[in-house]
């Protein structure tokens, strides 16, 4: 079993729905997954199970405003290796 599967199958205690329909995710799991107030999820029904899928923000391209000439021709030569660890 991979470490990803190990983490996915780990139990974090019990959660109950209150009278307003709110569900509290255990603090230990919120901390590990960096879930803060305002984090949104898509609720998926799988038979009698419910799965919460975190909605990730859209990626944005940021620019310093410099042109390619200002950066120089070698500025991003190793960007792929730096970003993805040489994969």
N, C-alpha and C. Protein backbone atom coordinates (compact mmCIF):
# COMPACT_ATOMS: atom_id res chain seq x y z
N UNK A 1 0.84 -1.18 0.00
CA UNK A 1 0.00 0.00 0.00
C UNK A 1 0.88 1.24 0.00
N UNK A 2 0.57 2.22 -0.84
CA UNK A 2 1.38 3.43 -0.91
C UNK A 2 1.08 4.33 0.28
N UNK A 3 1.96 5.31 0.51
CA UNK A 3 1.73 6.23 1.63
C UNK A 3 0.48 7.06 1.40
N UNK A 4 0.13 7.35 0.14
CA UNK A 4 -1.10 8.09 -0.15
C UNK A 4 -2.31 7.29 0.30
N UNK A 5 -2.33 5.98 0.01
CA UNK A 5 -3.44 5.13 0.42
C UNK A 5 -3.48 5.01 1.94
N UNK A 6 -2.32 4.92 2.59
CA UNK A 6 -2.28 4.85 4.04
C UNK A 6 -2.93 6.07 4.65
N UNK A 7 -2.61 7.27 4.13
CA UNK A 7 -3.17 8.50 4.67
C UNK A 7 -4.67 8.56 4.40
N UNK A 8 -5.10 8.12 3.26
CA UNK A 8 -6.52 8.20 2.90
C UNK A 8 -7.35 7.30 3.81
N UNK A 9 -6.81 6.18 4.26
CA UNK A 9 -7.56 5.21 5.04
C UNK A 9 -7.43 5.43 6.55
N UNK A 10 -6.70 6.44 6.98
CA UNK A 10 -6.52 6.68 8.40
C UNK A 10 -7.79 7.27 9.01
N UNK A 11 -8.16 6.80 10.21
CA UNK A 11 -9.35 7.31 10.89
C UNK A 11 -8.96 8.46 11.82
N UNK A 12 -9.84 9.44 11.92
CA UNK A 12 -9.58 10.62 12.74
C UNK A 12 -10.63 10.83 13.81
N UNK A 13 -11.39 9.82 14.12
CA UNK A 13 -12.42 9.95 15.15
C UNK A 13 -13.79 10.05 14.53
N UNK A 14 -14.72 10.53 15.33
CA UNK A 14 -16.12 10.57 14.94
C UNK A 14 -16.55 12.01 14.67
N UNK A 15 -17.44 12.17 13.71
CA UNK A 15 -18.04 13.48 13.44
C UNK A 15 -19.55 13.31 13.47
N UNK A 16 -20.24 14.30 14.01
CA UNK A 16 -21.70 14.25 14.08
C UNK A 16 -22.27 15.50 13.44
N UNK A 17 -23.42 15.35 12.84
CA UNK A 17 -24.13 16.48 12.27
C UNK A 17 -24.98 17.08 13.38
N UNK A 18 -24.88 18.42 13.57
CA UNK A 18 -25.68 19.05 14.62
C UNK A 18 -27.08 19.38 14.10
N UNK A 19 -27.90 20.00 14.95
CA UNK A 19 -29.29 20.27 14.58
C UNK A 19 -29.43 21.28 13.45
N UNK A 20 -28.36 21.95 13.08
CA UNK A 20 -28.38 22.88 11.95
C UNK A 20 -27.79 22.25 10.69
N UNK A 21 -27.45 20.98 10.75
CA UNK A 21 -26.89 20.29 9.60
C UNK A 21 -25.40 20.50 9.41
N UNK A 22 -24.73 21.04 10.41
CA UNK A 22 -23.29 21.30 10.32
C UNK A 22 -22.51 20.09 10.77
N UNK A 23 -21.41 19.87 10.07
CA UNK A 23 -20.51 18.75 10.36
C UNK A 23 -19.15 19.32 10.71
N UNK A 24 -18.59 18.90 11.82
CA UNK A 24 -17.27 19.37 12.21
C UNK A 24 -16.23 18.33 11.84
N UNK A 25 -15.22 18.74 11.07
CA UNK A 25 -14.11 17.86 10.72
C UNK A 25 -13.12 17.91 11.87
N UNK A 26 -12.66 16.75 12.36
CA UNK A 26 -11.74 16.74 13.50
C UNK A 26 -10.53 17.66 13.28
N UNK A 27 -10.14 18.38 14.34
CA UNK A 27 -9.08 19.38 14.27
C UNK A 27 -7.78 18.81 13.74
N UNK A 28 -7.39 17.63 14.18
CA UNK A 28 -6.13 17.03 13.73
C UNK A 28 -6.10 16.92 12.20
N UNK A 29 -7.20 16.49 11.61
CA UNK A 29 -7.29 16.35 10.16
C UNK A 29 -7.31 17.72 9.49
N UNK A 30 -8.06 18.68 10.06
CA UNK A 30 -8.07 20.04 9.50
C UNK A 30 -6.67 20.63 9.49
N UNK A 31 -5.93 20.42 10.57
CA UNK A 31 -4.56 20.94 10.65
C UNK A 31 -3.65 20.28 9.61
N UNK A 32 -3.73 18.95 9.51
CA UNK A 32 -2.88 18.22 8.56
C UNK A 32 -3.14 18.63 7.11
N UNK A 33 -4.41 18.86 6.79
CA UNK A 33 -4.78 19.19 5.41
C UNK A 33 -4.87 20.69 5.17
N UNK A 34 -4.53 21.47 6.19
CA UNK A 34 -4.57 22.94 6.11
C UNK A 34 -5.94 23.43 5.64
N UNK A 35 -6.98 22.94 6.32
CA UNK A 35 -8.35 23.36 6.03
C UNK A 35 -8.70 24.50 6.97
N UNK A 36 -8.98 25.66 6.40
CA UNK A 36 -9.31 26.84 7.19
C UNK A 36 -10.77 27.21 6.98
N UNK A 37 -11.26 28.11 7.80
CA UNK A 37 -12.63 28.61 7.63
C UNK A 37 -12.77 29.13 6.21
N UNK A 38 -13.87 28.79 5.58
CA UNK A 38 -14.11 29.24 4.21
C UNK A 38 -13.69 28.25 3.15
N UNK A 39 -12.97 27.18 3.55
CA UNK A 39 -12.60 26.14 2.58
C UNK A 39 -13.89 25.51 2.06
N UNK A 40 -14.03 25.39 0.75
CA UNK A 40 -15.25 24.83 0.20
C UNK A 40 -15.00 23.43 -0.37
N UNK A 41 -16.07 22.64 -0.37
CA UNK A 41 -16.02 21.25 -0.81
C UNK A 41 -17.18 20.96 -1.74
N UNK A 42 -16.98 20.01 -2.64
CA UNK A 42 -18.07 19.43 -3.40
C UNK A 42 -18.48 18.17 -2.65
N UNK A 43 -19.77 17.99 -2.43
CA UNK A 43 -20.29 16.84 -1.71
C UNK A 43 -20.69 15.79 -2.75
N UNK A 44 -20.10 14.59 -2.65
CA UNK A 44 -20.34 13.52 -3.61
C UNK A 44 -20.96 12.34 -2.88
N UNK A 45 -22.07 11.85 -3.39
CA UNK A 45 -22.69 10.66 -2.82
C UNK A 45 -22.20 9.45 -3.58
N UNK A 46 -21.72 8.45 -2.83
CA UNK A 46 -21.28 7.17 -3.39
C UNK A 46 -22.06 6.07 -2.69
N UNK A 47 -23.22 5.75 -3.21
CA UNK A 47 -24.10 4.79 -2.53
C UNK A 47 -24.58 5.39 -1.24
N UNK A 48 -24.29 4.72 -0.11
CA UNK A 48 -24.66 5.24 1.21
C UNK A 48 -23.55 6.05 1.85
N UNK A 49 -22.45 6.26 1.13
CA UNK A 49 -21.31 7.02 1.66
C UNK A 49 -21.31 8.43 1.10
N UNK A 50 -20.70 9.33 1.84
CA UNK A 50 -20.54 10.72 1.42
C UNK A 50 -19.05 11.02 1.36
N UNK A 51 -18.64 11.65 0.28
CA UNK A 51 -17.23 12.04 0.13
C UNK A 51 -17.18 13.55 -0.06
N UNK A 52 -16.28 14.20 0.68
CA UNK A 52 -16.06 15.64 0.53
C UNK A 52 -14.82 15.83 -0.32
N UNK A 53 -14.94 16.58 -1.40
CA UNK A 53 -13.81 16.83 -2.31
C UNK A 53 -13.50 18.32 -2.24
N UNK A 54 -12.30 18.65 -1.77
CA UNK A 54 -11.92 20.05 -1.62
C UNK A 54 -11.90 20.73 -2.98
N UNK A 55 -12.55 21.90 -3.05
CA UNK A 55 -12.53 22.71 -4.27
C UNK A 55 -11.25 23.54 -4.23
N UNK A 56 -10.38 23.31 -5.19
CA UNK A 56 -9.12 24.05 -5.24
C UNK A 56 -9.30 25.32 -6.05
N UNK A 57 -8.63 26.39 -5.66
CA UNK A 57 -8.75 27.63 -6.42
C UNK A 57 -8.12 27.47 -7.80
N UNK A 58 -8.62 28.26 -8.76
CA UNK A 58 -8.02 28.24 -10.08
C UNK A 58 -6.62 28.80 -10.00
N UNK A 59 -5.71 28.21 -10.76
CA UNK A 59 -4.35 28.72 -10.80
C UNK A 59 -4.32 30.02 -11.60
N UNK A 60 -3.51 30.93 -11.15
CA UNK A 60 -3.38 32.20 -11.84
C UNK A 60 -1.94 32.38 -12.27
N UNK A 61 -1.75 33.01 -13.39
CA UNK A 61 -0.41 33.33 -13.87
C UNK A 61 -0.05 34.72 -13.35
N UNK A 62 1.05 34.80 -12.67
CA UNK A 62 1.51 36.07 -12.14
C UNK A 62 2.71 36.53 -12.95
N UNK A 63 2.86 37.80 -13.08
CA UNK A 63 3.96 38.35 -13.86
C UNK A 63 4.61 39.48 -13.08
N UNK A 64 5.91 39.57 -13.22
CA UNK A 64 6.63 40.68 -12.58
C UNK A 64 6.56 41.93 -13.44
N UNK A 65 6.10 41.75 -14.68
CA UNK A 65 6.04 42.88 -15.59
C UNK A 65 7.29 43.02 -16.44
N UNK A 66 8.29 42.16 -16.18
CA UNK A 66 9.53 42.22 -16.96
C UNK A 66 9.34 41.48 -18.28
N UNK A 67 9.99 41.96 -19.29
CA UNK A 67 9.94 41.29 -20.59
C UNK A 67 10.95 40.15 -20.60
N UNK A 68 10.85 39.31 -21.61
CA UNK A 68 11.79 38.20 -21.78
C UNK A 68 13.22 38.73 -21.89
N UNK A 69 13.39 39.86 -22.59
CA UNK A 69 14.73 40.45 -22.75
C UNK A 69 15.30 40.90 -21.41
N UNK A 70 14.44 41.45 -20.54
CA UNK A 70 14.90 41.90 -19.23
C UNK A 70 15.34 40.73 -18.34
N UNK A 71 14.68 39.58 -18.48
CA UNK A 71 15.03 38.41 -17.68
C UNK A 71 16.30 37.75 -18.20
N UNK A 72 16.55 37.82 -19.48
CA UNK A 72 17.71 37.15 -20.05
C UNK A 72 17.33 35.76 -20.53
N UNK A 73 18.11 35.22 -21.45
CA UNK A 73 17.72 33.96 -22.10
C UNK A 73 17.86 32.73 -21.21
N UNK A 74 18.65 32.76 -20.16
CA UNK A 74 18.85 31.59 -19.31
C UNK A 74 18.02 31.60 -18.03
N UNK A 75 17.17 32.61 -17.85
CA UNK A 75 16.46 32.77 -16.58
C UNK A 75 15.60 31.56 -16.21
N UNK A 76 14.96 30.92 -17.18
CA UNK A 76 14.03 29.85 -16.87
C UNK A 76 14.49 28.49 -17.39
N UNK A 77 15.76 28.37 -17.70
CA UNK A 77 16.27 27.12 -18.27
C UNK A 77 16.01 25.93 -17.34
N UNK A 78 16.17 26.11 -16.03
CA UNK A 78 16.00 25.01 -15.08
C UNK A 78 14.69 25.09 -14.32
N UNK A 79 13.73 25.85 -14.80
CA UNK A 79 12.47 26.03 -14.07
C UNK A 79 11.73 24.72 -13.90
N UNK A 80 11.71 23.86 -14.92
CA UNK A 80 11.01 22.59 -14.81
C UNK A 80 11.61 21.70 -13.75
N UNK A 81 12.94 21.60 -13.73
CA UNK A 81 13.60 20.77 -12.73
C UNK A 81 13.39 21.35 -11.33
N UNK A 82 13.47 22.66 -11.22
CA UNK A 82 13.28 23.29 -9.91
C UNK A 82 11.86 23.11 -9.41
N UNK A 83 10.91 23.21 -10.33
CA UNK A 83 9.50 23.12 -9.94
C UNK A 83 9.08 21.68 -9.69
N UNK A 84 9.51 20.75 -10.55
CA UNK A 84 9.01 19.38 -10.48
C UNK A 84 10.06 18.38 -10.00
N UNK A 85 11.17 18.83 -9.50
CA UNK A 85 12.18 17.94 -8.94
C UNK A 85 12.83 17.02 -9.95
N UNK A 86 12.94 17.45 -11.19
CA UNK A 86 13.65 16.67 -12.20
C UNK A 86 12.90 15.46 -12.69
N UNK A 87 11.59 15.42 -12.50
CA UNK A 87 10.81 14.27 -12.96
C UNK A 87 10.62 14.30 -14.45
